[in-house]
C-alpha atoms as a PDB file:
ATOM      1  CA  MET A   1       0.191  -0.006  -0.038  1.00  0.00           C
ATOM      2  CA  ILE A   2       1.131   3.664  -0.152  1.00  0.00           C
ATOM      3  CA  ALA A   3       1.332   3.866   3.243  1.00  0.00           C
ATOM      4  CA  SER A   4      -0.050   2.973   6.810  1.00  0.00           C
ATOM      5  CA  GLY A   5      -2.489   3.995   9.502  1.00  0.00           C
ATOM      6  CA  SER A   6      -4.532   7.733   9.578  1.00  0.00           C
ATOM      7  CA  TRP A   7      -2.150   9.524   7.041  1.00  0.00           C
ATOM      8  CA  LYS A   8      -2.817   7.016   4.374  1.00  0.00           C
ATOM      9  CA  ARG A   9      -6.622   7.767   4.486  1.00  0.00           C
ATOM     10  CA  TYR A  10      -5.282  11.525   4.779  1.00  0.00           C
ATOM     11  CA  ALA A  11      -3.484  11.639   1.438  1.00  0.00           C
ATOM     12  CA  TRP A  12      -6.262   9.810  -0.384  1.00  0.00           C
ATOM     13  CA  LEU A  13      -8.676  11.895   1.220  1.00  0.00           C
ATOM     14  CA  CYS A  14      -6.748  15.367   0.145  1.00  0.00           C
ATOM     15  CA  LEU A  15      -6.279  14.208  -3.137  1.00  0.00           C
ATOM     16  CA  LEU A  16      -9.933  13.341  -3.578  1.00  0.00           C
ATOM     17  CA  ALA A  17     -10.626  16.942  -2.765  1.00  0.00           C
ATOM     18  CA  MET A  18      -8.666  17.584  -5.919  1.00  0.00           C
ATOM     19  CA  LEU A  19     -10.996  15.275  -8.155  1.00  0.00           C
ATOM     20  CA  VAL A  20     -14.211  16.456  -6.732  1.00  0.00           C
ATOM     21  CA  GLY A  21     -13.197  20.148  -7.597  1.00  0.00           C
ATOM     22  CA  ILE A  22     -12.423  18.772 -11.041  1.00  0.00           C
ATOM     23  CA  PRO A  23     -16.601  19.155 -12.094  1.00  0.00           C
ATOM     24  CA  LEU A  24     -17.545  20.827  -9.309  1.00  0.00           C
ATOM     25  CA  GLY A  25     -15.677  23.612  -8.320  1.00  0.00           C
ATOM     26  CA  ALA A  26     -15.600  25.030  -5.294  1.00  0.00           C
ATOM     27  CA  ALA A  27     -18.175  22.135  -3.862  1.00  0.00           C
ATOM     28  CA  ALA A  28     -15.825  19.902  -2.867  1.00  0.00           C
ATOM     29  CA  SER A  29     -17.616  16.720  -1.095  1.00  0.00           C
ATOM     30  CA  GLU A  30     -16.497  15.388   2.223  1.00  0.00           C
ATOM     31  CA  GLY A  31     -18.926  12.309   1.438  1.00  0.00           C
ATOM     32  CA  MET A  32     -17.374  11.332  -1.230  1.00  0.00           C
ATOM     33  CA  SER A  33     -13.925  11.241   0.526  1.00  0.00           C
ATOM     34  CA  ARG A  34     -14.699   7.335   1.159  1.00  0.00           C
ATOM     35  CA  ILE A  35     -13.766   6.558  -2.373  1.00  0.00           C
ATOM     36  CA  PHE A  36      -9.957   6.390  -1.665  1.00  0.00           C
ATOM     37  CA  ARG A  37     -10.245   5.165   1.908  1.00  0.00           C
ATOM     38  CA  PRO A  38      -9.005   1.646   3.029  1.00  0.00           C
ATOM     39  CA  ILE A  39     -12.174  -0.685   1.926  1.00  0.00           C
ATOM     40  CA  ARG A  40     -13.306  -2.152   4.998  1.00  0.00           C
ATOM     41  CA  PRO A  41     -16.621  -5.017   5.241  1.00  0.00           C
ATOM     42  CA  GLY A  42     -19.814  -3.254   6.311  1.00  0.00           C
ATOM     43  CA  LEU A  43     -21.869  -0.799   6.387  1.00  0.00           C
ATOM     44  CA  ALA A  44     -20.810   2.960   6.766  1.00  0.00           C
ATOM     45  CA  ARG A  45     -22.823   6.085   6.543  1.00  0.00           C
ATOM     46  CA  SER A  46     -21.829  10.159   7.402  1.00  0.00           C
ATOM     47  CA  SER A  47     -23.536  13.348   7.011  1.00  0.00           C
ATOM     48  CA  SER A  48     -22.161  17.249   6.962  1.00  0.00           C
ATOM     49  CA  LEU A  49     -23.964  20.825   7.490  1.00  0.00           C
ATOM     50  CA  TRP A  50     -22.635  23.786   6.705  1.00  0.00           C
ATOM     51  CA  GLY A  51     -23.787  27.119   6.853  1.00  0.00           C
ATOM     52  CA  GLY A  52     -22.112  30.723   6.148  1.00  0.00           C
ATOM     53  CA  ALA A  53     -23.404  34.693   6.198  1.00  0.00           C
ATOM     54  CA  SER A  54     -21.666  37.858   5.086  1.00  0.00           C
ATOM     55  CA  GLU A  55     -22.929  41.259   5.873  1.00  0.00           C
ATOM     56  CA  ALA A  56     -25.047  43.343   3.384  1.00  0.00           C
ATOM     57  CA  ALA A  57     -22.865  45.296   1.260  1.00  0.00           C
ATOM     58  CA  GLU A  58     -23.229  47.879  -1.862  1.00  0.00           C
ATOM     59  CA  SER A  59     -23.068  46.137  -5.316  1.00  0.00           C
ATOM     60  CA  ASP A  60     -23.527  47.554  -8.425  1.00  0.00           C
ATOM     61  CA  SER A  61     -27.279  46.568  -8.978  1.00  0.00           C
ATOM     62  CA  GLY A  62     -28.074  47.451  -4.735  1.00  0.00           C
ATOM     63  CA  GLU A  63     -27.374  46.003  -1.590  1.00  0.00           C
ATOM     64  CA  LEU A  64     -26.679  42.997  -1.000  1.00  0.00           C
ATOM     65  CA  ALA A  65     -26.665  39.541   1.748  1.00  0.00           C
ATOM     66  CA  LEU A  66     -25.013  36.406   0.965  1.00  0.00           C
ATOM     67  CA  HIS A  67     -26.654  33.526   3.021  1.00  0.00           C
ATOM     68  CA  ARG A  68     -25.343  29.736   2.230  1.00  0.00           C
ATOM     69  CA  TYR A  69     -25.877  26.565   3.473  1.00  0.00           C
ATOM     70  CA  GLY A  70     -25.722  22.722   2.785  1.00  0.00           C
ATOM     71  CA  LEU A  71     -26.661  19.623   3.651  1.00  0.00           C
ATOM     72  CA  ARG A  72     -24.272  16.245   2.462  1.00  0.00           C
ATOM     73  CA  LEU A  73     -25.069  12.430   3.289  1.00  0.00           C
ATOM     74  CA  SER A  74     -23.585   9.470   1.916  1.00  0.00           C
ATOM     75  CA  GLU A  75     -23.488   5.580   2.559  1.00  0.00           C
ATOM     76  CA  SER A  76     -20.351   2.915   1.432  1.00  0.00           C
ATOM     77  CA  ARG A  77     -21.491  -0.845   1.249  1.00  0.00           C
ATOM     78  CA  ALA A  78     -18.830  -3.371   1.105  1.00  0.00           C
ATOM     79  CA  SER A  79     -19.518  -7.493   1.098  1.00  0.00           C
ATOM     80  CA  ASP A  80     -15.264  -7.992   1.653  1.00  0.00           C
ATOM     81  CA  ALA A  81     -12.276  -5.917   1.964  1.00  0.00           C
ATOM     82  CA  ARG A  82     -12.065  -5.659  -2.260  1.00  0.00           C
ATOM     83  CA  THR A  83     -15.524  -4.359  -3.496  1.00  0.00           C
ATOM     84  CA  GLU A  84     -17.365  -1.401  -2.075  1.00  0.00           C
ATOM     85  CA  TRP A  85     -20.192   0.624  -3.559  1.00  0.00           C
ATOM     86  CA  PHE A  86     -21.447   4.258  -2.384  1.00  0.00           C
ATOM     87  CA  TYR A  87     -23.571   6.788  -2.468  1.00  0.00           C
ATOM     88  CA  SER A  88     -23.970  10.349  -1.867  1.00  0.00           C
ATOM     89  CA  PHE A  89     -26.812  12.955  -1.754  1.00  0.00           C
ATOM     90  CA  SER A  90     -26.592  16.390  -1.234  1.00  0.00           C
ATOM     91  CA  TYR A  91     -28.281  20.124  -1.495  1.00  0.00           C
ATOM     92  CA  SER A  92     -27.033  23.498  -1.103  1.00  0.00           C
ATOM     93  CA  GLY A  93     -28.829  26.917  -1.409  1.00  0.00           C
ATOM     94  CA  MET A  94     -27.177  30.695  -2.047  1.00  0.00           C
ATOM     95  CA  ASN A  95     -30.110  33.213  -0.838  1.00  0.00           C
ATOM     96  CA  ILE A  96     -28.982  36.730  -2.314  1.00  0.00           C
ATOM     97  CA  ASP A  97     -30.791  38.998  -0.078  1.00  0.00           C
ATOM     98  CA  GLY A  98     -31.688  42.194  -2.557  1.00  0.00           C
ATOM     99  CA  ASP A  99     -32.482  42.130  -5.928  1.00  0.00           C
ATOM    100  CA  LEU A 100     -28.935  40.565  -8.288  1.00  0.00           C
ATOM    101  CA  LEU A 101     -29.730  42.827 -11.724  1.00  0.00           C
ATOM    102  CA  LEU A 102     -27.292  41.428 -14.769  1.00  0.00           C
ATOM    103  CA  PRO A 103     -26.805  44.535 -16.242  1.00  0.00           C
ATOM    104  CA  GLU A 104     -26.165  43.591 -19.937  1.00  0.00           C
ATOM    105  CA  SER A 105     -29.139  40.601 -20.464  1.00  0.00           C
ATOM    106  CA  GLY A 106     -31.501  42.548 -17.578  1.00  0.00           C
ATOM    107  CA  VAL A 107     -31.969  39.299 -15.726  1.00  0.00           C
ATOM    108  CA  LEU A 108     -33.194  40.173 -12.652  1.00  0.00           C
ATOM    109  CA  VAL A 109     -32.363  36.875 -10.235  1.00  0.00           C
ATOM    110  CA  ASP A 110     -34.977  36.912  -7.235  1.00  0.00           C
ATOM    111  CA  ASP A 111     -34.993  32.922  -6.454  1.00  0.00           C
ATOM    112  CA  LEU A 112     -33.129  30.923  -4.240  1.00  0.00           C
ATOM    113  CA  LEU A 113     -30.273  29.172  -6.206  1.00  0.00           C
ATOM    114  CA  GLN A 114     -30.107  25.924  -5.026  1.00  0.00           C
ATOM    115  CA  ASP A 115     -27.338  23.002  -5.958  1.00  0.00           C
ATOM    116  CA  VAL A 116     -29.450  19.674  -5.703  1.00  0.00           C
ATOM    117  CA  GLU A 117     -27.067  16.515  -6.400  1.00  0.00           C
ATOM    118  CA  LEU A 118     -27.170  12.306  -7.006  1.00  0.00           C
ATOM    119  CA  GLY A 119     -24.119  10.329  -6.882  1.00  0.00           C
ATOM    120  CA  THR A 120     -22.910   6.528  -7.303  1.00  0.00           C
ATOM    121  CA  GLY A 121     -19.749   5.151  -7.328  1.00  0.00           C
ATOM    122  CA  PHE A 122     -17.632   1.765  -7.289  1.00  0.00           C
ATOM    123  CA  ARG A 123     -14.195   1.122  -6.715  1.00  0.00           C
ATOM    124  CA  ARG A 124     -11.942  -2.525  -6.205  1.00  0.00           C
ATOM    125  CA  ALA A 125      -9.008  -3.288  -5.038  1.00  0.00           C
ATOM    126  CA  ARG A 126      -6.615  -5.527  -7.393  1.00  0.00           C
ATOM    127  CA  ALA A 127      -3.649  -6.454  -4.824  1.00  0.00           C
ATOM    128  CA  ASP A 128      -2.088  -2.373  -3.763  1.00  0.00           C
ATOM    129  CA  ASP A 129      -4.017  -1.171  -6.839  1.00  0.00           C
ATOM    130  CA  ILE A 130      -7.221   0.214  -6.707  1.00  0.00           C
ATOM    131  CA  TYR A 131      -9.928   0.942  -9.686  1.00  0.00           C
ATOM    132  CA  GLY A 132     -13.443   2.316  -9.972  1.00  0.00           C
ATOM    133  CA  TRP A 133     -15.514   5.279 -11.475  1.00  0.00           C
ATOM    134  CA  PHE A 134     -17.862   7.760  -9.580  1.00  0.00           C
ATOM    135  CA  ALA A 135     -20.539   9.620 -11.119  1.00  0.00           C
ATOM    136  CA  SER A 136     -23.279  12.148 -10.570  1.00  0.00           C
ATOM    137  CA  LEU A 137     -26.579  13.803 -11.437  1.00  0.00           C
ATOM    138  CA  GLY A 138     -27.763  17.062 -10.749  1.00  0.00           C
ATOM    139  CA  SER A 139     -28.859  20.200 -11.238  1.00  0.00           C
ATOM    140  CA  ALA A 140     -27.612  23.682  -9.721  1.00  0.00           C
ATOM    141  CA  SER A 141     -30.096  26.415 -10.781  1.00  0.00           C
ATOM    142  CA  ASP A 142     -32.785  29.112  -9.566  1.00  0.00           C
ATOM    143  CA  LYS A 143     -34.697  26.854 -10.677  1.00  0.00           C
ATOM    144  CA  PRO A 144     -33.787  22.973 -10.500  1.00  0.00           C
ATOM    145  CA  PHE A 145     -34.988  20.459 -13.151  1.00  0.00           C
ATOM    146  CA  ASP A 146     -36.914  22.987 -14.874  1.00  0.00           C
ATOM    147  CA  SER A 147     -35.600  21.116 -18.024  1.00  0.00           C
ATOM    148  CA  PHE A 148     -32.566  19.359 -19.367  1.00  0.00           C
ATOM    149  CA  ASP A 149     -30.495  22.302 -20.145  1.00  0.00           C
ATOM    150  CA  GLU A 150     -30.512  22.758 -16.194  1.00  0.00           C
ATOM    151  CA  THR A 151     -28.853  19.191 -15.787  1.00  0.00           C
ATOM    152  CA  SER A 152     -25.291  18.929 -14.646  1.00  0.00           C
ATOM    153  CA  VAL A 153     -23.861  15.160 -15.367  1.00  0.00           C
ATOM    154  CA  MET A 154     -20.083  14.140 -14.408  1.00  0.00           C
ATOM    155  CA  LEU A 155     -18.122  11.030 -14.936  1.00  0.00           C
ATOM    156  CA  ASN A 156     -15.069   9.698 -13.134  1.00  0.00           C
ATOM    157  CA  ALA A 157     -12.992   6.781 -13.971  1.00  0.00           C
ATOM    158  CA  PHE A 158      -9.689   6.072 -11.787  1.00  0.00           C
ATOM    159  CA  TYR A 159      -6.596   3.856 -11.639  1.00  0.00           C
ATOM    160  CA  LYS A 160      -3.961   3.693  -8.979  1.00  0.00           C
ATOM    161  CA  PHE A 161      -1.421   1.639  -8.696  1.00  0.00           C
ATOM    162  CA  THR A 162       1.234   1.889  -5.785  1.00  0.00           C
ATOM    163  CA  LEU A 163       5.165   2.657  -6.330  1.00  0.00           C
ATOM    164  CA  THR A 164       6.721   2.036  -2.939  1.00  0.00           C
ATOM    165  CA  ARG A 165       5.243   2.456   0.619  1.00  0.00           C
ATOM    166  CA  SER A 166       5.167   6.510   0.108  1.00  0.00           C
ATOM    167  CA  THR A 167       4.631   7.101  -3.334  1.00  0.00           C
ATOM    168  CA  ALA A 168       1.702   6.232  -5.898  1.00  0.00           C
ATOM    169  CA  TRP A 169       0.527   7.317  -9.331  1.00  0.00           C
ATOM    170  CA  MET A 170      -3.129   7.680 -10.156  1.00  0.00           C
ATOM    171  CA  LEU A 171      -4.606   8.219 -13.739  1.00  0.00           C
ATOM    172  CA  MET A 172      -7.947   9.796 -14.472  1.00  0.00           C
ATOM    173  CA  LEU A 173     -10.795  10.209 -16.992  1.00  0.00           C
ATOM    174  CA  ASN A 174     -13.473  12.980 -16.377  1.00  0.00           C
ATOM    175  CA  TYR A 175     -16.615  14.292 -18.364  1.00  0.00           C
ATOM    176  CA  SER A 176     -18.123  17.448 -16.762  1.00  0.00           C
ATOM    177  CA  ASN A 177     -20.936  19.827 -18.518  1.00  0.00           C
ATOM    178  CA  ARG A 178     -20.356  22.267 -15.902  1.00  0.00           C
ATOM    179  CA  ARG A 179     -16.679  23.293 -15.687  1.00  0.00           C
ATOM    180  CA  SER A 180     -15.429  26.924 -15.737  1.00  0.00           C
ATOM    181  CA  PHE A 181     -13.387  25.783 -18.590  1.00  0.00           C
ATOM    182  CA  LEU A 182     -13.318  23.215 -21.769  1.00  0.00           C
ATOM    183  CA  THR A 183     -16.705  22.463 -20.904  1.00  0.00           C
ATOM    184  CA  ASN A 184     -18.298  19.421 -22.023  1.00  0.00           C
ATOM    185  CA  ILE A 185     -14.825  17.637 -23.125  1.00  0.00           C
ATOM    186  CA  PRO A 186     -13.675  14.690 -21.482  1.00  0.00           C
ATOM    187  CA  LEU A 187     -10.209  15.457 -20.074  1.00  0.00           C
ATOM    188  CA  PRO A 188      -7.593  13.078 -19.232  1.00  0.00           C
ATOM    189  CA  GLY A 189      -5.333  13.487 -15.950  1.00  0.00           C
ATOM    190  CA  ALA A 190      -2.470  12.129 -13.684  1.00  0.00           C
ATOM    191  CA  ALA A 191      -1.155  12.481 -10.400  1.00  0.00           C
ATOM    192  CA  TYR A 192       1.868  11.505  -8.472  1.00  0.00           C
ATOM    193  CA  VAL A 193       1.393  11.254  -4.561  1.00  0.00           C
ATOM    194  CA  TYR A 194       4.487  11.549  -2.254  1.00  0.00           C
ATOM    195  CA  ALA A 195       3.421  10.463   1.114  1.00  0.00           C
ATOM    196  CA  PRO A 196       6.446   9.917   3.457  1.00  0.00           C
ATOM    197  CA  ASP A 197       4.806  10.403   7.229  1.00  0.00           C
ATOM    198  CA  ARG A 198       1.596  11.682   8.441  1.00  0.00           C
ATOM    199  CA  ARG A 199       2.641  15.234   8.046  1.00  0.00           C
ATOM    200  CA  ARG A 200       3.706  15.663   4.989  1.00  0.00           C
ATOM    201  CA  LEU A 201       2.101  15.132   1.400  1.00  0.00           C
ATOM    202  CA  ILE A 202       2.532  16.494  -1.823  1.00  0.00           C
ATOM    203  CA  ILE A 203       0.546  15.440  -4.806  1.00  0.00           C
ATOM    204  CA  ALA A 204       1.033  16.739  -8.038  1.00  0.00           C
ATOM    205  CA  GLY A 205      -0.737  16.600 -11.036  1.00  0.00           C
ATOM    206  CA  MET A 206      -2.639  18.046 -13.966  1.00  0.00           C
ATOM    207  CA  PRO A 207      -4.497  20.538 -13.374  1.00  0.00           C
ATOM    208  CA  PHE A 208      -3.719  20.435  -9.875  1.00  0.00           C
ATOM    209  CA  PHE A 209      -1.544  20.638  -7.059  1.00  0.00           C
ATOM    210  CA  MET A 210      -1.474  20.109  -3.677  1.00  0.00           C
ATOM    211  CA  ILE A 211       0.966  20.140  -0.233  1.00  0.00           C
ATOM    212  CA  LYS A 212       1.128  19.505   3.295  1.00  0.00           C
ATOM    213  CA  TYR A 213       4.298  20.285   5.317  1.00  0.00           C
ATOM    214  CA  PRO A 214       4.747  20.608   9.092  1.00  0.00           C
ATOM    215  CA  LEU A 215       6.244  24.423  10.690  1.00  0.00           C
ATOM    216  CA  GLY A 216       7.884  23.038  13.867  1.00  0.00           C
ATOM    217  CA  GLU A 217       5.570  20.308  16.341  1.00  0.00           C
ATOM    218  CA  SER A 218       2.386  21.766  16.257  1.00  0.00           C
ATOM    219  CA  THR A 219       1.895  23.443  13.300  1.00  0.00           C
ATOM    220  CA  ASP A 220       1.042  22.393   9.951  1.00  0.00           C
ATOM    221  CA  ILE A 221       0.484  24.346   6.585  1.00  0.00           C
ATOM    222  CA  SER A 222      -1.499  23.280   3.373  1.00  0.00           C
ATOM    223  CA  ALA A 223      -2.100  24.518   0.281  1.00  0.00           C
ATOM    224  CA  SER A 224      -3.869  23.936  -2.903  1.00  0.00           C
ATOM    225  CA  TYR A 225      -4.308  25.043  -6.384  1.00  0.00           C
ATOM    226  CA  PHE A 226      -6.794  24.095  -9.460  1.00  0.00           C
ATOM    227  CA  VAL A 227      -7.213  25.786 -12.806  1.00  0.00           C
ATOM    228  CA  PRO A 228      -8.011  27.929 -13.881  1.00  0.00           C
ATOM    229  CA  ASP A 229      -7.660  30.158 -10.507  1.00  0.00           C
ATOM    230  CA  GLN A 230      -8.808  28.128  -7.151  1.00  0.00           C
ATOM    231  CA  ILE A 231      -6.458  28.934  -4.656  1.00  0.00           C
ATOM    232  CA  LYS A 232      -6.169  27.638  -0.867  1.00  0.00           C
ATOM    233  CA  VAL A 233      -3.966  28.356   1.845  1.00  0.00           C
ATOM    234  CA  GLU A 234      -4.254  27.034   5.814  1.00  0.00           C
ATOM    235  CA  SER A 235      -2.211  26.592   8.658  1.00  0.00           C
ATOM    236  CA  ASN A 236      -3.584  24.616  11.673  1.00  0.00           C
ATOM    237  CA  THR A 237      -2.053  25.018  15.404  1.00  0.00           C
ATOM    238  CA  LYS A 238      -2.859  22.499  17.604  1.00  0.00           C
ATOM    239  CA  ILE A 239      -3.758  23.642  20.832  1.00  0.00           C
ATOM    240  CA  GLY A 240      -5.478  20.421  22.471  1.00  0.00           C
ATOM    241  CA  ARG A 241      -6.719  17.239  21.983  1.00  0.00           C
ATOM    242  CA  GLY A 242      -8.263  17.006  18.351  1.00  0.00           C
ATOM    243  CA  LEU A 243      -8.337  21.249  18.693  1.00  0.00           C
ATOM    244  CA  GLY A 244      -6.624  23.600  16.305  1.00  0.00           C
ATOM    245  CA  LEU A 245      -6.723  27.371  15.562  1.00  0.00           C
ATOM    246  CA  LEU A 246      -6.839  27.850  11.797  1.00  0.00           C
ATOM    247  CA  ALA A 247      -5.985  30.741   9.358  1.00  0.00           C
ATOM    248  CA  GLY A 248      -6.011  30.882   5.556  1.00  0.00           C
ATOM    249  CA  VAL A 249      -7.034  32.668   2.637  1.00  0.00           C
ATOM    250  CA  GLU A 250      -8.400  30.883  -0.241  1.00  0.00           C
ATOM    251  CA  ARG A 251     -10.310  31.984  -3.791  1.00  0.00           C
ATOM    252  CA  GLY A 252     -13.048  29.621  -5.401  1.00  0.00           C
ATOM    253  CA  GLU A 253     -16.370  30.285  -7.417  1.00  0.00           C
ATOM    254  CA  ASP A 254     -19.694  28.817  -7.293  1.00  0.00           C
ATOM    255  CA  SER A 255     -22.120  28.093 -10.793  1.00  0.00           C
ATOM    256  CA  TYR A 256     -25.526  27.773 -11.631  1.00  0.00           C
ATOM    257  CA  PHE A 257     -27.719  27.577 -14.961  1.00  0.00           C
ATOM    258  CA  LEU A 258     -30.454  29.981 -15.025  1.00  0.00           C
ATOM    259  CA  ALA A 259     -33.375  28.706 -15.922  1.00  0.00           C
ATOM    260  CA  ASP A 260     -34.369  31.977 -18.467  1.00  0.00           C
ATOM    261  CA  ARG A 261     -30.433  32.176 -19.501  1.00  0.00           C
ATOM    262  CA  ALA A 262     -29.822  33.830 -23.240  1.00  0.00           C
ATOM    263  CA  SER A 263     -27.982  30.845 -23.716  1.00  0.00           C
ATOM    264  CA  ARG A 264     -27.865  26.877 -22.846  1.00  0.00           C
ATOM    265  CA  ASP A 265     -24.048  27.282 -22.860  1.00  0.00           C
ATOM    266  CA  HIS A 266     -23.982  30.093 -20.135  1.00  0.00           C
ATOM    267  CA  SER A 267     -23.549  29.899 -16.162  1.00  0.00           C
ATOM    268  CA  LEU A 268     -24.237  32.220 -13.882  1.00  0.00           C
ATOM    269  CA  TYR A 269     -20.881  32.574 -11.346  1.00  0.00           C
ATOM    270  CA  TYR A 270     -20.215  33.696  -8.250  1.00  0.00           C
ATOM    271  CA  GLU A 271     -16.083  34.699  -7.345  1.00  0.00           C
ATOM    272  CA  GLU A 272     -14.467  35.559  -4.192  1.00  0.00           C
ATOM    273  CA  SER A 273     -11.355  35.936  -2.328  1.00  0.00           C
ATOM    274  CA  ARG A 274     -11.244  35.177   1.369  1.00  0.00           C
ATOM    275  CA  PHE A 275      -9.157  36.241   4.674  1.00  0.00           C
ATOM    276  CA  TYR A 276     -10.036  33.690   7.878  1.00  0.00           C
ATOM    277  CA  SER A 277      -9.463  32.644  11.143  1.00  0.00           C
ATOM    278  CA  GLY A 278     -11.022  30.357  13.573  1.00  0.00           C
ATOM    279  CA  VAL A 279     -11.254  27.074  15.092  1.00  0.00           C
ATOM    280  CA  GLY A 280     -11.465  23.458  14.271  1.00  0.00           C
ATOM    281  CA  TRP A 281     -11.858  20.179  16.397  1.00  0.00           C
ATOM    282  CA  ARG A 282     -12.029  16.549  15.297  1.00  0.00           C
ATOM    283  CA  SER A 283     -12.225  13.127  16.837  1.00  0.00           C
ATOM    284  CA  ARG A 284     -10.108   9.799  16.093  1.00  0.00           C
ATOM    285  CA  GLU A 285     -13.460   8.542  14.614  1.00  0.00           C
ATOM    286  CA  GLY A 286     -13.436  11.503  11.816  1.00  0.00           C
ATOM    287  CA  THR A 287     -16.415  13.864  13.248  1.00  0.00           C
ATOM    288  CA  SER A 288     -15.678  17.228  13.231  1.00  0.00           C
ATOM    289  CA  ILE A 289     -16.778  20.880  13.683  1.00  0.00           C
ATOM    290  CA  LYS A 290     -15.279  23.985  12.238  1.00  0.00           C
ATOM    291  CA  LEU A 291     -16.136  27.581  13.103  1.00  0.00           C
ATOM    292  CA  THR A 292     -14.357  30.399  10.819  1.00  0.00           C
ATOM    293  CA  ALA A 293     -15.151  33.906  10.549  1.00  0.00           C
ATOM    294  CA  GLY A 294     -13.631  36.304   7.558  1.00  0.00           C
ATOM    295  CA  TYR A 295     -13.433  38.813   5.427  1.00  0.00           C
ATOM    296  CA  ALA A 296     -14.337  38.537   1.549  1.00  0.00           C
ATOM    297  CA  LEU A 297     -12.959  40.779  -1.013  1.00  0.00           C
ATOM    298  CA  ASP A 298     -12.709  40.722  -4.809  1.00  0.00           C
ATOM    299  CA  ARG A 299     -16.848  39.414  -4.685  1.00  0.00           C
ATOM    300  CA  HIS A 300     -18.448  39.418  -8.064  1.00  0.00           C
ATOM    301  CA  PHE A 301     -21.268  38.012 -10.197  1.00  0.00           C
ATOM    302  CA  TYR A 302     -21.183  37.597 -14.100  1.00  0.00           C
ATOM    303  CA  GLN A 303     -22.425  35.257 -16.731  1.00  0.00           C
ATOM    304  CA  GLY A 304     -20.799  33.291 -19.360  1.00  0.00           C
ATOM    305  CA  GLU A 305     -19.248  30.263 -20.640  1.00  0.00           C
ATOM    306  CA  ASP A 306     -16.240  30.398 -18.790  1.00  0.00           C
ATOM    307  CA  SER A 307     -13.950  32.436 -16.728  1.00  0.00           C
ATOM    308  CA  ASP A 308     -12.766  34.149 -19.806  1.00  0.00           C
ATOM    309  CA  GLU A 309     -16.108  35.822 -20.042  1.00  0.00           C
ATOM    310  CA  SER A 310     -15.687  37.465 -16.415  1.00  0.00           C
ATOM    311  CA  ASP A 311     -16.429  40.984 -17.847  1.00  0.00           C
ATOM    312  CA  ARG A 312     -19.824  39.491 -19.054  1.00  0.00           C
ATOM    313  CA  ASP A 313     -22.752  40.824 -16.866  1.00  0.00           C
ATOM    314  CA  ARG A 314     -20.669  41.416 -13.757  1.00  0.00           C
ATOM    315  CA  VAL A 315     -21.826  42.480 -10.413  1.00  0.00           C
ATOM    316  CA  GLY A 316     -19.313  43.819  -8.420  1.00  0.00           C
ATOM    317  CA  VAL A 317     -19.922  43.375  -4.588  1.00  0.00           C
ATOM    318  CA  GLU A 318     -18.297  45.432  -1.760  1.00  0.00           C
ATOM    319  CA  ASP A 319     -15.738  43.417   0.110  1.00  0.00           C
ATOM    320  CA  GLY A 320     -17.322  42.617   3.697  1.00  0.00           C
ATOM    321  CA  PHE A 321     -17.016  40.043   6.686  1.00  0.00           C
ATOM    322  CA  ASP A 322     -18.697  36.850   6.526  1.00  0.00           C
ATOM    323  CA  MET A 323     -18.652  33.663   9.351  1.00  0.00           C
ATOM    324  CA  GLY A 324     -18.921  29.993   8.888  1.00  0.00           C
ATOM    325  CA  ILE A 325     -19.782  27.065  10.427  1.00  0.00           C
ATOM    326  CA  THR A 326     -19.267  23.116   9.371  1.00  0.00           C
ATOM    327  CA  CYS A 327     -20.299  20.059  11.003  1.00  0.00           C
ATOM    328  CA  LEU A 328     -19.386  16.447   9.569  1.00  0.00           C
ATOM    329  CA  TRP A 329     -20.943  13.010  11.151  1.00  0.00           C
ATOM    330  CA  VAL A 330     -19.199   9.657  10.646  1.00  0.00           C
ATOM    331  CA  PHE A 331     -21.205   7.264  12.238  1.00  0.00           C
END
């Protein structure tokens, strides 16, 4: 195997966070992290809740405040240590308190933006290697499943083969109609994983990169990048059993298919950068709670086929403070 113990599971959990980012952007799912954990016979379930709110701020179309929240449920079933099926359901919402008027198209976004997704997958162990697939069907829109044009589809196939106890290669193939680049085009990918111990990890891949490295005895720093401009850097300083102080900066995006958009190829994007700090707690079983307070900047909405059209229907939102909470239960 790549490694032993909990740090091996952590390495694959981090890699999966990058894989999920390929079709889903910032909606990376903890529930689907089961893909790269060791296959354990039996039934396992997890659920997570998260929410966040930002203060009201002036925008190009009036004063806006954003409230976001979500739920994810996942389950895995394995009859032995070689074969596993897994399933997931997720729902998230973005409520825009105020009227978002897109200036070029004249579209008024005054409904709750929702993202509903059903996922399933399969994996099988072959000696020290693992292969499988996972897929999802969903709708991210102001009117989910209003028509086929508001439906999102994602397919992934993967094969991991071991080199040594601390290194491995991962080959991937992804299709998605909801990327911010090269939409509807199957994309191959590859990643090299180096995990010599629990606190050091490097995942170098196409089109992403991630590193985790210790700074002293109690502080770890991690950084990740995914094209075209999703970035996250975070430090975690342990202050007690399972308890840590967090500080970081991140940039990400959300995307939605508006039901009355002019072109079926267009999506509504929301992008922001954020500085934050907070506290996190995690049990040995994986249950965790994370509280953060931050300052969001460079916030804007736009509509187009991809990030190259970020000036189309652009609505800027002033900088502002926000708060967030995430709770994960493993049972």
